[in-house]
Amino acid sequence: MQLISGVSLPSYWLSSLLTDLCKSYILIGFIVLFLHAFGEDYEGMVPILMAYPLSIVPYTYAMSTMFTADTSAQAITLFYHFLFGVVMSFQTVMMRL
């Protein structure tokens, strides 16, 4: 569709990347606002939340090139994030004990 309308591929992907980053930062703004409203202020939390979209959005774009079907890409990526999220969280708890 973008090629038919005359948009170059780099400009399409750059605008898509910037849009995804902006949407992520809007959500993070609400998260930080609510955490401060409820008094849940942790040292270093805001810089970590601000750095997260810079890592996950390009990673997701890179992962999307590994699949041909969007449904399998979504299912496998969600499973991958869930699996490693649970495993790493459990590992962190075990190491703290």
Protein backbone atom coordinates (compact mmCIF):
# COMPACT_ATOMS: atom_id res chain seq x y z
CA MET A 1 0.00 0.00 0.00
CA GLN A 2 2.77 2.43 0.89
CA LEU A 3 4.63 1.71 -2.36
CA ILE A 4 1.50 2.41 -4.41
CA SER A 5 0.96 5.74 -2.64
CA GLY A 6 4.57 6.75 -3.30
CA VAL A 7 5.99 6.53 0.22
CA SER A 8 9.52 5.19 0.42
CA LEU A 9 10.13 2.16 2.61
CA PRO A 10 12.63 3.87 4.97
CA SER A 11 10.24 6.75 5.63
CA TYR A 12 7.36 4.33 6.20
CA TRP A 13 9.30 2.25 8.72
CA LEU A 14 10.76 5.31 10.45
CA SER A 15 7.33 6.88 10.86
CA SER A 16 5.95 3.57 12.11
CA LEU A 17 8.81 3.27 14.62
CA LEU A 18 8.30 6.81 15.88
CA THR A 19 4.55 6.25 16.20
CA ASP A 20 5.10 3.08 18.24
CA LEU A 21 7.61 4.87 20.48
CA CYS A 22 5.24 7.80 21.05
CA LYS A 23 2.39 5.43 21.97
CA SER A 24 4.69 3.65 24.40
CA TYR A 25 5.79 6.88 26.06
CA ILE A 26 2.18 8.04 26.48
CA LEU A 27 1.43 4.82 28.34
CA ILE A 28 4.59 5.15 30.43
CA GLY A 29 3.58 8.71 31.30
CA PHE A 30 0.31 7.39 32.73
CA ILE A 31 2.13 4.63 34.61
CA VAL A 32 4.54 7.11 36.21
CA LEU A 33 1.64 9.46 37.03
CA PHE A 34 -0.33 6.73 38.77
CA LEU A 35 2.71 5.38 40.62
CA HIS A 36 3.44 8.85 41.98
CA ALA A 37 -0.24 9.37 42.82
CA PHE A 38 -0.28 6.21 44.92
CA GLY A 39 3.09 6.91 46.54
CA GLU A 40 4.95 4.05 44.91
CA ASP A 41 8.22 5.86 44.19
CA TYR A 42 11.22 3.61 43.66
CA GLU A 43 14.72 4.81 42.96
CA GLY A 44 15.68 4.32 39.32
CA MET A 45 12.18 3.33 38.23
CA VAL A 46 11.55 6.23 35.86
CA PRO A 47 14.82 5.86 33.88
CA ILE A 48 14.16 2.14 33.45
CA LEU A 49 10.62 2.78 32.27
CA MET A 50 11.87 5.46 29.85
CA ALA A 51 14.51 3.12 28.41
CA TYR A 52 12.13 0.18 27.93
CA PRO A 53 10.48 1.36 24.67
CA LEU A 54 13.90 2.06 23.16
CA SER A 55 14.71 -1.61 23.58
CA ILE A 56 11.42 -3.43 23.04
CA VAL A 57 10.14 -1.63 19.93
CA PRO A 58 13.23 -2.28 17.76
CA TYR A 59 13.44 -5.80 19.18
CA THR A 60 9.84 -6.46 18.16
CA TYR A 61 10.52 -5.11 14.67
CA ALA A 62 13.54 -7.40 14.38
CA MET A 63 11.54 -10.40 15.61
CA SER A 64 8.82 -9.70 13.05
CA THR A 65 11.25 -10.41 10.20
CA MET A 66 11.64 -14.01 11.38
CA PHE A 67 8.02 -14.96 10.55
CA THR A 68 5.93 -15.11 7.41
CA ALA A 69 2.48 -15.22 9.06
CA ASP A 70 1.41 -12.52 11.46
CA THR A 71 -0.61 -14.88 13.65
CA SER A 72 2.32 -17.20 14.32
CA ALA A 73 4.60 -14.22 14.93
CA GLN A 74 2.22 -12.82 17.51
CA ALA A 75 1.63 -16.13 19.25
CA ILE A 76 5.29 -17.15 19.41
CA THR A 77 6.48 -13.69 20.46
CA LEU A 78 3.87 -13.47 23.22
CA PHE A 79 4.77 -16.96 24.41
CA TYR A 80 8.48 -16.06 24.33
CA HIS A 81 7.94 -12.88 26.38
CA PHE A 82 5.67 -14.68 28.85
CA LEU A 83 8.02 -17.61 29.29
CA PHE A 84 11.13 -15.54 29.83
CA GLY A 85 9.24 -12.98 31.91
CA VAL A 86 8.03 -15.67 34.30
CA VAL A 87 11.34 -17.55 34.32
CA MET A 88 13.42 -14.43 34.91
CA SER A 89 11.05 -13.13 37.58
CA PHE A 90 11.17 -16.48 39.36
CA GLN A 91 14.96 -16.53 39.07
CA THR A 92 15.19 -13.05 40.55
CA VAL A 93 13.02 -14.03 43.51
CA MET A 94 15.04 -17.19 44.10
CA MET A 95 18.34 -15.31 43.99
CA ARG A 96 17.06 -12.71 46.44
CA LEU A 97 16.12 -15.43 48.91
